[in-house]
Amino acid sequence: MNFKERSETVRVYVEGQIGKHQVNESPELNYYLNILKEENYEYYRIIKSEYIDKLPKDWYQSYYARSTYYRTKGKSMKRFIKLIESPCFH
C-alpha cells in the first residue's frame, strides 16, 4: 500500500467511525487512539490533527520540518492501519 492509499484508508475508517458516533463516543476509535497515544505521541498527534480535527494543511510546520513530518506521517498511518486491522474489535 502506498502513502496515498494508506492516507485514504485512515480517512475512510475515521470518517466511518465519526459517522456512527461523535468522536468522543466511538469506543473503537478512542481505543485505537489511546494505544497510539501511549506508544508514540507524535503518531497520535498526526492522526488526530489530520483526520479527526482536520487542521489546515500547514499545521505541522510548528512541530516538524517537512521531510520529518511526511516520514512520521507515513509511519503513523502504517501503525494506525495495523491497529484497526487487529482482532481487538472484530
PDB file of N, CA and C in Angstrom:
ATOM      1  N   MET A   1       0.860  -1.172   0.000  1.00  0.00           N
ATOM      2  CA  MET A   1       0.000   0.000   0.000  1.00  0.00           C
ATOM      3  C   MET A   1       0.909   1.239   0.000  1.00  0.00           C
ATOM      4  N   ASN A   2       0.644   2.159  -0.918  1.00  0.00           N
ATOM      5  CA  ASN A   2       1.468   3.360  -0.964  1.00  0.00           C
ATOM      6  C   ASN A   2       0.938   4.435  -0.002  1.00  0.00           C
ATOM      7  N   PHE A   3       1.650   5.543   0.064  1.00  0.00           N
ATOM      8  CA  PHE A   3       1.321   6.619   1.003  1.00  0.00           C
ATOM      9  C   PHE A   3      -0.114   7.118   0.814  1.00  0.00           C
ATOM     10  N   LYS A   4      -0.494   7.373  -0.422  1.00  0.00           N
ATOM     11  CA  LYS A   4      -1.827   7.894  -0.719  1.00  0.00           C
ATOM     12  C   LYS A   4      -2.918   6.884  -0.343  1.00  0.00           C
ATOM     13  N   GLU A   5      -2.686   5.618  -0.615  1.00  0.00           N
ATOM     14  CA  GLU A   5      -3.655   4.570  -0.263  1.00  0.00           C
ATOM     15  C   GLU A   5      -3.790   4.440   1.254  1.00  0.00           C
ATOM     16  N   ARG A   6      -2.673   4.527   1.959  1.00  0.00           N
ATOM     17  CA  ARG A   6      -2.736   4.472   3.431  1.00  0.00           C
ATOM     18  C   ARG A   6      -3.527   5.652   3.970  1.00  0.00           C
ATOM     19  N   SER A   7      -3.277   6.839   3.410  1.00  0.00           N
ATOM     20  CA  SER A   7      -3.993   8.029   3.856  1.00  0.00           C
ATOM     21  C   SER A   7      -5.499   7.872   3.634  1.00  0.00           C
ATOM     22  N   GLU A   8      -5.870   7.344   2.500  1.00  0.00           N
ATOM     23  CA  GLU A   8      -7.291   7.131   2.192  1.00  0.00           C
ATOM     24  C   GLU A   8      -7.903   6.088   3.127  1.00  0.00           C
ATOM     25  N   THR A   9      -7.169   5.043   3.434  1.00  0.00           N
ATOM     26  CA  THR A   9      -7.652   4.006   4.353  1.00  0.00           C
ATOM     27  C   THR A   9      -7.933   4.599   5.728  1.00  0.00           C
ATOM     28  N   VAL A  10      -7.009   5.394   6.235  1.00  0.00           N
ATOM     29  CA  VAL A  10      -7.190   6.023   7.545  1.00  0.00           C
ATOM     30  C   VAL A  10      -8.375   6.986   7.508  1.00  0.00           C
ATOM     31  N   ARG A  11      -8.447   7.805   6.472  1.00  0.00           N
ATOM     32  CA  ARG A  11      -9.535   8.781   6.345  1.00  0.00           C
ATOM     33  C   ARG A  11     -10.902   8.087   6.316  1.00  0.00           C
ATOM     34  N   VAL A  12     -11.038   7.049   5.518  1.00  0.00           N
ATOM     35  CA  VAL A  12     -12.322   6.343   5.407  1.00  0.00           C
ATOM     36  C   VAL A  12     -12.697   5.704   6.738  1.00  0.00           C
ATOM     37  N   TYR A  13     -11.732   5.092   7.416  1.00  0.00           N
ATOM     38  CA  TYR A  13     -12.014   4.479   8.712  1.00  0.00           C
ATOM     39  C   TYR A  13     -12.488   5.516   9.721  1.00  0.00           C
ATOM     40  N   VAL A  14     -11.737   6.611   9.855  1.00  0.00           N
ATOM     41  CA  VAL A  14     -12.067   7.651  10.842  1.00  0.00           C
ATOM     42  C   VAL A  14     -13.425   8.269  10.523  1.00  0.00           C
ATOM     43  N   GLU A  15     -13.659   8.605   9.277  1.00  0.00           N
ATOM     44  CA  GLU A  15     -14.948   9.197   8.916  1.00  0.00           C
ATOM     45  C   GLU A  15     -16.099   8.227   9.149  1.00  0.00           C
ATOM     46  N   GLY A  16     -15.860   6.948   8.939  1.00  0.00           N
ATOM     47  CA  GLY A  16     -16.883   5.941   9.224  1.00  0.00           C
ATOM     48  C   GLY A  16     -17.211   5.876  10.700  1.00  0.00           C
ATOM     49  N   GLN A  17     -16.195   5.956  11.537  1.00  0.00           N
ATOM     50  CA  GLN A  17     -16.411   5.928  12.982  1.00  0.00           C
ATOM     51  C   GLN A  17     -17.110   7.200  13.456  1.00  0.00           C
ATOM     52  N   ILE A  18     -16.705   8.337  12.907  1.00  0.00           N
ATOM     53  CA  ILE A  18     -17.321   9.597  13.297  1.00  0.00           C
ATOM     54  C   ILE A  18     -18.762   9.650  12.806  1.00  0.00           C
ATOM     55  N   GLY A  19     -19.024   9.029  11.661  1.00  0.00           N
ATOM     56  CA  GLY A  19     -20.390   8.978  11.139  1.00  0.00           C
ATOM     57  C   GLY A  19     -21.323   8.178  12.034  1.00  0.00           C
ATOM     58  N   LYS A  20     -20.780   7.170  12.709  1.00  0.00           N
ATOM     59  CA  LYS A  20     -21.580   6.329  13.606  1.00  0.00           C
ATOM     60  C   LYS A  20     -21.761   6.978  14.974  1.00  0.00           C
ATOM     61  N   HIS A  21     -20.797   7.736  15.416  1.00  0.00           N
ATOM     62  CA  HIS A  21     -20.763   8.300  16.772  1.00  0.00           C
ATOM     63  C   HIS A  21     -20.178   9.704  16.718  1.00  0.00           C
ATOM     64  N   GLN A  22     -20.289  10.413  17.806  1.00  0.00           N
ATOM     65  CA  GLN A  22     -19.469  11.598  17.994  1.00  0.00           C
ATOM     66  C   GLN A  22     -18.053  11.086  18.260  1.00  0.00           C
ATOM     67  N   VAL A  23     -17.045  11.891  17.983  1.00  0.00           N
ATOM     68  CA  VAL A  23     -15.658  11.434  18.141  1.00  0.00           C
ATOM     69  C   VAL A  23     -15.410  10.860  19.524  1.00  0.00           C
ATOM     70  N   ASN A  24     -15.821  11.555  20.564  1.00  0.00           N
ATOM     71  CA  ASN A  24     -15.555  11.101  21.930  1.00  0.00           C
ATOM     72  C   ASN A  24     -16.394   9.907  22.341  1.00  0.00           C
ATOM     73  N   GLU A  25     -17.399   9.555  21.537  1.00  0.00           N
ATOM     74  CA  GLU A  25     -18.291   8.456  21.889  1.00  0.00           C
ATOM     75  C   GLU A  25     -18.020   7.193  21.091  1.00  0.00           C
ATOM     76  N   SER A  26     -17.021   7.181  20.248  1.00  0.00           N
ATOM     77  CA  SER A  26     -16.688   5.996  19.466  1.00  0.00           C
ATOM     78  C   SER A  26     -15.696   5.149  20.255  1.00  0.00           C
ATOM     79  N   PRO A  27     -16.174   4.081  20.895  1.00  0.00           N
ATOM     80  CA  PRO A  27     -15.256   3.289  21.719  1.00  0.00           C
ATOM     81  C   PRO A  27     -14.112   2.685  20.911  1.00  0.00           C
ATOM     82  N   GLU A  28     -14.405   2.261  19.701  1.00  0.00           N
ATOM     83  CA  GLU A  28     -13.371   1.645  18.873  1.00  0.00           C
ATOM     84  C   GLU A  28     -12.303   2.664  18.487  1.00  0.00           C
ATOM     85  N   LEU A  29     -12.713   3.819  17.982  1.00  0.00           N
ATOM     86  CA  LEU A  29     -11.757   4.851  17.588  1.00  0.00           C
ATOM     87  C   LEU A  29     -10.957   5.336  18.790  1.00  0.00           C
ATOM     88  N   ASN A  30     -11.614   5.565  19.895  1.00  0.00           N
ATOM     89  CA  ASN A  30     -10.909   6.020  21.105  1.00  0.00           C
ATOM     90  C   ASN A  30      -9.921   4.979  21.610  1.00  0.00           C
ATOM     91  N   TYR A  31     -10.286   3.717  21.507  1.00  0.00           N
ATOM     92  CA  TYR A  31      -9.392   2.633  21.911  1.00  0.00           C
ATOM     93  C   TYR A  31      -8.085   2.694  21.118  1.00  0.00           C
ATOM     94  N   TYR A  32      -8.209   2.782  19.796  1.00  0.00           N
ATOM     95  CA  TYR A  32      -7.024   2.817  18.945  1.00  0.00           C
ATOM     96  C   TYR A  32      -6.218   4.103  19.136  1.00  0.00           C
ATOM     97  N   LEU A  33      -6.895   5.217  19.303  1.00  0.00           N
ATOM     98  CA  LEU A  33      -6.184   6.481  19.537  1.00  0.00           C
ATOM     99  C   LEU A  33      -5.421   6.452  20.855  1.00  0.00           C
ATOM    100  N   ASN A  34      -6.012   5.854  21.878  1.00  0.00           N
ATOM    101  CA  ASN A  34      -5.323   5.759  23.171  1.00  0.00           C
ATOM    102  C   ASN A  34      -4.087   4.877  23.080  1.00  0.00           C
ATOM    103  N   ILE A  35      -4.178   3.786  22.339  1.00  0.00           N
ATOM    104  CA  ILE A  35      -2.995   2.933  22.144  1.00  0.00           C
ATOM    105  C   ILE A  35      -1.913   3.729  21.431  1.00  0.00           C
ATOM    106  N   LEU A  36      -2.300   4.406  20.368  1.00  0.00           N
ATOM    107  CA  LEU A  36      -1.346   5.195  19.603  1.00  0.00           C
ATOM    108  C   LEU A  36      -0.704   6.273  20.474  1.00  0.00           C
ATOM    109  N   LYS A  37      -1.511   6.920  21.293  1.00  0.00           N
ATOM    110  CA  LYS A  37      -1.015   7.989  22.176  1.00  0.00           C
ATOM    111  C   LYS A  37       0.015   7.437  23.160  1.00  0.00           C
ATOM    112  N   GLU A  38      -0.247   6.254  23.701  1.00  0.00           N
ATOM    113  CA  GLU A  38       0.684   5.641  24.660  1.00  0.00           C
ATOM    114  C   GLU A  38       1.971   5.169  23.979  1.00  0.00           C
ATOM    115  N   GLU A  39       1.834   4.629  22.780  1.00  0.00           N
ATOM    116  CA  GLU A  39       3.005   4.095  22.071  1.00  0.00           C
ATOM    117  C   GLU A  39       3.902   5.201  21.518  1.00  0.00           C
ATOM    118  N   ASN A  40       3.278   6.190  20.879  1.00  0.00           N
ATOM    119  CA  ASN A  40       4.063   7.230  20.233  1.00  0.00           C
ATOM    120  C   ASN A  40       3.186   8.467  20.075  1.00  0.00           C
ATOM    121  N   TYR A  41       3.410   9.456  20.907  1.00  0.00           N
ATOM    122  CA  TYR A  41       2.559  10.645  20.898  1.00  0.00           C
ATOM    123  C   TYR A  41       2.606  11.373  19.557  1.00  0.00           C
ATOM    124  N   GLU A  42       3.745  11.339  18.885  1.00  0.00           N
ATOM    125  CA  GLU A  42       3.847  12.007  17.582  1.00  0.00           C
ATOM    126  C   GLU A  42       2.898  11.365  16.577  1.00  0.00           C
ATOM    127  N   TYR A  43       2.788  10.044  16.582  1.00  0.00           N
ATOM    128  CA  TYR A  43       1.855   9.355  15.681  1.00  0.00           C
ATOM    129  C   TYR A  43       0.420   9.774  16.007  1.00  0.00           C
ATOM    130  N   TYR A  44       0.114   9.792  17.282  1.00  0.00           N
ATOM    131  CA  TYR A  44      -1.224  10.208  17.734  1.00  0.00           C
ATOM    132  C   TYR A  44      -1.532  11.629  17.269  1.00  0.00           C
ATOM    133  N   ARG A  45      -0.582  12.546  17.482  1.00  0.00           N
ATOM    134  CA  ARG A  45      -0.802  13.946  17.108  1.00  0.00           C
ATOM    135  C   ARG A  45      -1.107  14.068  15.615  1.00  0.00           C
ATOM    136  N   ILE A  46      -0.379  13.343  14.796  1.00  0.00           N
ATOM    137  CA  ILE A  46      -0.585  13.430  13.349  1.00  0.00           C
ATOM    138  C   ILE A  46      -1.946  12.867  12.953  1.00  0.00           C
ATOM    139  N   ILE A  47      -2.301  11.694  13.437  1.00  0.00           N
ATOM    140  CA  ILE A  47      -3.599  11.104  13.079  1.00  0.00           C
ATOM    141  C   ILE A  47      -4.734  12.002  13.555  1.00  0.00           C
ATOM    142  N   LYS A  48      -4.648  12.467  14.778  1.00  0.00           N
ATOM    143  CA  LYS A  48      -5.714  13.314  15.321  1.00  0.00           C
ATOM    144  C   LYS A  48      -5.808  14.644  14.572  1.00  0.00           C
ATOM    145  N   SER A  49      -4.687  15.284  14.325  1.00  0.00           N
ATOM    146  CA  SER A  49      -4.692  16.582  13.661  1.00  0.00           C
ATOM    147  C   SER A  49      -5.142  16.497  12.208  1.00  0.00           C
ATOM    148  N   GLU A  50      -4.690  15.464  11.511  1.00  0.00           N
ATOM    149  CA  GLU A  50      -5.005  15.318  10.088  1.00  0.00           C
ATOM    150  C   GLU A  50      -6.414  14.804   9.827  1.00  0.00           C
ATOM    151  N   TYR A  51      -6.815  13.778  10.552  1.00  0.00           N
ATOM    152  CA  TYR A  51      -8.033  13.051  10.180  1.00  0.00           C
ATOM    153  C   TYR A  51      -9.229  13.315  11.090  1.00  0.00           C
ATOM    154  N   ILE A  52      -8.993  13.752  12.300  1.00  0.00           N
ATOM    155  CA  ILE A  52     -10.108  13.996  13.223  1.00  0.00           C
ATOM    156  C   ILE A  52     -10.373  15.497  13.341  1.00  0.00           C
ATOM    157  N   ASP A  53      -9.341  16.246  13.707  1.00  0.00           N
ATOM    158  CA  ASP A  53      -9.513  17.693  13.854  1.00  0.00           C
ATOM    159  C   ASP A  53      -9.506  18.415  12.504  1.00  0.00           C
ATOM    160  N   LYS A  54      -8.935  17.775  11.491  1.00  0.00           N
ATOM    161  CA  LYS A  54      -8.850  18.323  10.133  1.00  0.00           C
ATOM    162  C   LYS A  54      -8.293  19.754  10.139  1.00  0.00           C
ATOM    163  N   LEU A  55      -7.120  19.870  10.752  1.00  0.00           N
ATOM    164  CA  LEU A  55      -6.449  21.168  10.824  1.00  0.00           C
ATOM    165  C   LEU A  55      -5.979  21.601   9.435  1.00  0.00           C
ATOM    166  N   PRO A  56      -5.673  22.886   9.247  1.00  0.00           N
ATOM    167  CA  PRO A  56      -5.162  23.355   7.955  1.00  0.00           C
ATOM    168  C   PRO A  56      -3.912  22.571   7.546  1.00  0.00           C
ATOM    169  N   LYS A  57      -3.676  22.467   6.256  1.00  0.00           N
ATOM    170  CA  LYS A  57      -2.584  21.639   5.730  1.00  0.00           C
ATOM    171  C   LYS A  57      -1.204  21.990   6.275  1.00  0.00           C
ATOM    172  N   ASP A  58      -1.004  23.214   6.700  1.00  0.00           N
ATOM    173  CA  ASP A  58       0.318  23.608   7.190  1.00  0.00           C
ATOM    174  C   ASP A  58       0.459  23.539   8.717  1.00  0.00           C
ATOM    175  N   TRP A  59      -0.460  22.895   9.388  1.00  0.00           N
ATOM    176  CA  TRP A  59      -0.455  22.837  10.853  1.00  0.00           C
ATOM    177  C   TRP A  59       0.855  22.286  11.401  1.00  0.00           C
ATOM    178  N   TYR A  60       1.466  21.373  10.690  1.00  0.00           N
ATOM    179  CA  TYR A  60       2.647  20.659  11.187  1.00  0.00           C
ATOM    180  C   TYR A  60       3.901  21.533  11.247  1.00  0.00           C
ATOM    181  N   GLN A  61       3.911  22.661  10.583  1.00  0.00           N
ATOM    182  CA  GLN A  61       5.128  23.467  10.483  1.00  0.00           C
ATOM    183  C   GLN A  61       5.635  23.978  11.828  1.00  0.00           C
ATOM    184  N   SER A  62       4.762  24.051  12.813  1.00  0.00           N
ATOM    185  CA  SER A  62       5.191  24.453  14.157  1.00  0.00           C
ATOM    186  C   SER A  62       5.915  23.323  14.886  1.00  0.00           C
ATOM    187  N   TYR A  63       5.761  22.093  14.380  1.00  0.00           N
ATOM    188  CA  TYR A  63       6.310  20.927  15.068  1.00  0.00           C
ATOM    189  C   TYR A  63       7.432  20.225  14.309  1.00  0.00           C
ATOM    190  N   TYR A  64       7.342  20.203  12.983  1.00  0.00           N
ATOM    191  CA  TYR A  64       8.223  19.357  12.182  1.00  0.00           C
ATOM    192  C   TYR A  64       8.766  20.088  10.966  1.00  0.00           C
ATOM    193  N   ALA A  65       9.936  19.668  10.533  1.00  0.00           N
ATOM    194  CA  ALA A  65      10.397  20.018   9.191  1.00  0.00           C
ATOM    195  C   ALA A  65       9.535  19.197   8.225  1.00  0.00           C
ATOM    196  N   ARG A  66       9.415  19.648   7.009  1.00  0.00           N
ATOM    197  CA  ARG A  66       8.524  18.971   6.056  1.00  0.00           C
ATOM    198  C   ARG A  66       8.881  17.497   5.869  1.00  0.00           C
ATOM    199  N   SER A  67      10.151  17.199   5.687  1.00  0.00           N
ATOM    200  CA  SER A  67      10.563  15.804   5.463  1.00  0.00           C
ATOM    201  C   SER A  67      10.287  14.947   6.698  1.00  0.00           C
ATOM    202  N   THR A  68      10.539  15.506   7.870  1.00  0.00           N
ATOM    203  CA  THR A  68      10.268  14.769   9.112  1.00  0.00           C
ATOM    204  C   THR A  68       8.778  14.506   9.256  1.00  0.00           C
ATOM    205  N   TYR A  69       7.976  15.498   8.928  1.00  0.00           N
ATOM    206  CA  TYR A  69       6.521  15.349   9.009  1.00  0.00           C
ATOM    207  C   TYR A  69       6.041  14.209   8.108  1.00  0.00           C
ATOM    208  N   TYR A  70       6.448  14.217   6.855  1.00  0.00           N
ATOM    209  CA  TYR A  70       5.959  13.189   5.940  1.00  0.00           C
ATOM    210  C   TYR A  70       6.483  11.804   6.307  1.00  0.00           C
ATOM    211  N   ARG A  71       7.706  11.720   6.780  1.00  0.00           N
ATOM    212  CA  ARG A  71       8.244  10.435   7.221  1.00  0.00           C
ATOM    213  C   ARG A  71       7.457   9.924   8.431  1.00  0.00           C
ATOM    214  N   THR A  72       7.204  10.807   9.386  1.00  0.00           N
ATOM    215  CA  THR A  72       6.469  10.423  10.592  1.00  0.00           C
ATOM    216  C   THR A  72       5.009  10.138  10.271  1.00  0.00           C
ATOM    217  N   LYS A  73       4.419  10.895   9.369  1.00  0.00           N
ATOM    218  CA  LYS A  73       3.034  10.639   8.964  1.00  0.00           C
ATOM    219  C   LYS A  73       2.913   9.262   8.324  1.00  0.00           C
ATOM    220  N   GLY A  74       3.867   8.905   7.478  1.00  0.00           N
ATOM    221  CA  GLY A  74       3.851   7.579   6.859  1.00  0.00           C
ATOM    222  C   GLY A  74       3.900   6.476   7.901  1.00  0.00           C
ATOM    223  N   LYS A  75       4.777   6.629   8.882  1.00  0.00           N
ATOM    224  CA  LYS A  75       4.884   5.629   9.950  1.00  0.00           C
ATOM    225  C   LYS A  75       3.621   5.593  10.802  1.00  0.00           C
ATOM    226  N   SER A  76       3.039   6.758  11.071  1.00  0.00           N
ATOM    227  CA  SER A  76       1.833   6.799  11.908  1.00  0.00           C
ATOM    228  C   SER A  76       0.652   6.142  11.204  1.00  0.00           C
ATOM    229  N   MET A  77       0.543   6.341   9.894  1.00  0.00           N
ATOM    230  CA  MET A  77      -0.550   5.698   9.157  1.00  0.00           C
ATOM    231  C   MET A  77      -0.373   4.186   9.134  1.00  0.00           C
ATOM    232  N   LYS A  78       0.865   3.720   8.924  1.00  0.00           N
ATOM    233  CA  LYS A  78       1.122   2.273   8.937  1.00  0.00           C
ATOM    234  C   LYS A  78       0.722   1.672  10.281  1.00  0.00           C
ATOM    235  N   ARG A  79       1.114   2.325  11.357  1.00  0.00           N
ATOM    236  CA  ARG A  79       0.805   1.804  12.694  1.00  0.00           C
ATOM    237  C   ARG A  79      -0.695   1.829  12.957  1.00  0.00           C
ATOM    238  N   PHE A  80      -1.361   2.913  12.580  1.00  0.00           N
ATOM    239  CA  PHE A  80      -2.797   3.021  12.803  1.00  0.00           C
ATOM    240  C   PHE A  80      -3.542   1.942  12.015  1.00  0.00           C
ATOM    241  N   ILE A  81      -3.138   1.695  10.798  1.00  0.00           N
ATOM    242  CA  ILE A  81      -3.781   0.650   9.988  1.00  0.00           C
ATOM    243  C   ILE A  81      -3.565  -0.717  10.622  1.00  0.00           C
ATOM    244  N   LYS A  82      -2.376  -0.981  11.148  1.00  0.00           N
ATOM    245  CA  LYS A  82      -2.149  -2.252  11.849  1.00  0.00           C
ATOM    246  C   LYS A  82      -3.094  -2.390  13.033  1.00  0.00           C
ATOM    247  N   LEU A  83      -3.294  -1.305  13.754  1.00  0.00           N
ATOM    248  CA  LEU A  83      -4.204  -1.344  14.905  1.00  0.00           C
ATOM    249  C   LEU A  83      -5.641  -1.627  14.472  1.00  0.00           C
ATOM    250  N   ILE A  84      -6.115  -0.928  13.438  1.00  0.00           N
ATOM    251  CA  ILE A  84      -7.513  -1.125  13.053  1.00  0.00           C
ATOM    252  C   ILE A  84      -7.740  -2.470  12.397  1.00  0.00           C
ATOM    253  N   GLU A  85      -6.682  -3.092  11.910  1.00  0.00           N
ATOM    254  CA  GLU A  85      -6.814  -4.437  11.335  1.00  0.00           C
ATOM    255  C   GLU A  85      -6.632  -5.529  12.382  1.00  0.00           C
ATOM    256  N   SER A  86      -6.264  -5.148  13.597  1.00  0.00           N
ATOM    257  CA  SER A  86      -6.075  -6.133  14.654  1.00  0.00           C
ATOM    258  C   SER A  86      -7.442  -6.689  15.078  1.00  0.00           C
ATOM    259  N   PRO A  87      -7.461  -7.861  15.663  1.00  0.00           N
ATOM    260  CA  PRO A  87      -8.747  -8.506  16.002  1.00  0.00           C
ATOM    261  C   PRO A  87      -9.419  -7.980  17.274  1.00  0.00           C
ATOM    262  N   CYS A  88      -8.905  -6.921  17.893  1.00  0.00           N
ATOM    263  CA  CYS A  88      -9.452  -6.448  19.162  1.00  0.00           C
ATOM    264  C   CYS A  88     -10.940  -6.124  19.118  1.00  0.00           C
ATOM    265  N   PHE A  89     -11.387  -5.455  18.059  1.00  0.00           N
ATOM    266  CA  PHE A  89     -12.782  -5.050  17.961  1.00  0.00           C
ATOM    267  C   PHE A  89     -13.535  -5.814  16.891  1.00  0.00           C
ATOM    268  N   HIS A  90     -12.910  -6.819  16.320  1.00  0.00           N
ATOM    269  CA  HIS A  90     -13.566  -7.544  15.214  1.00  0.00           C
ATOM    270  C   HIS A  90     -14.095  -8.876  15.661  1.00  0.00           C
TER     271      HIS A  90
END
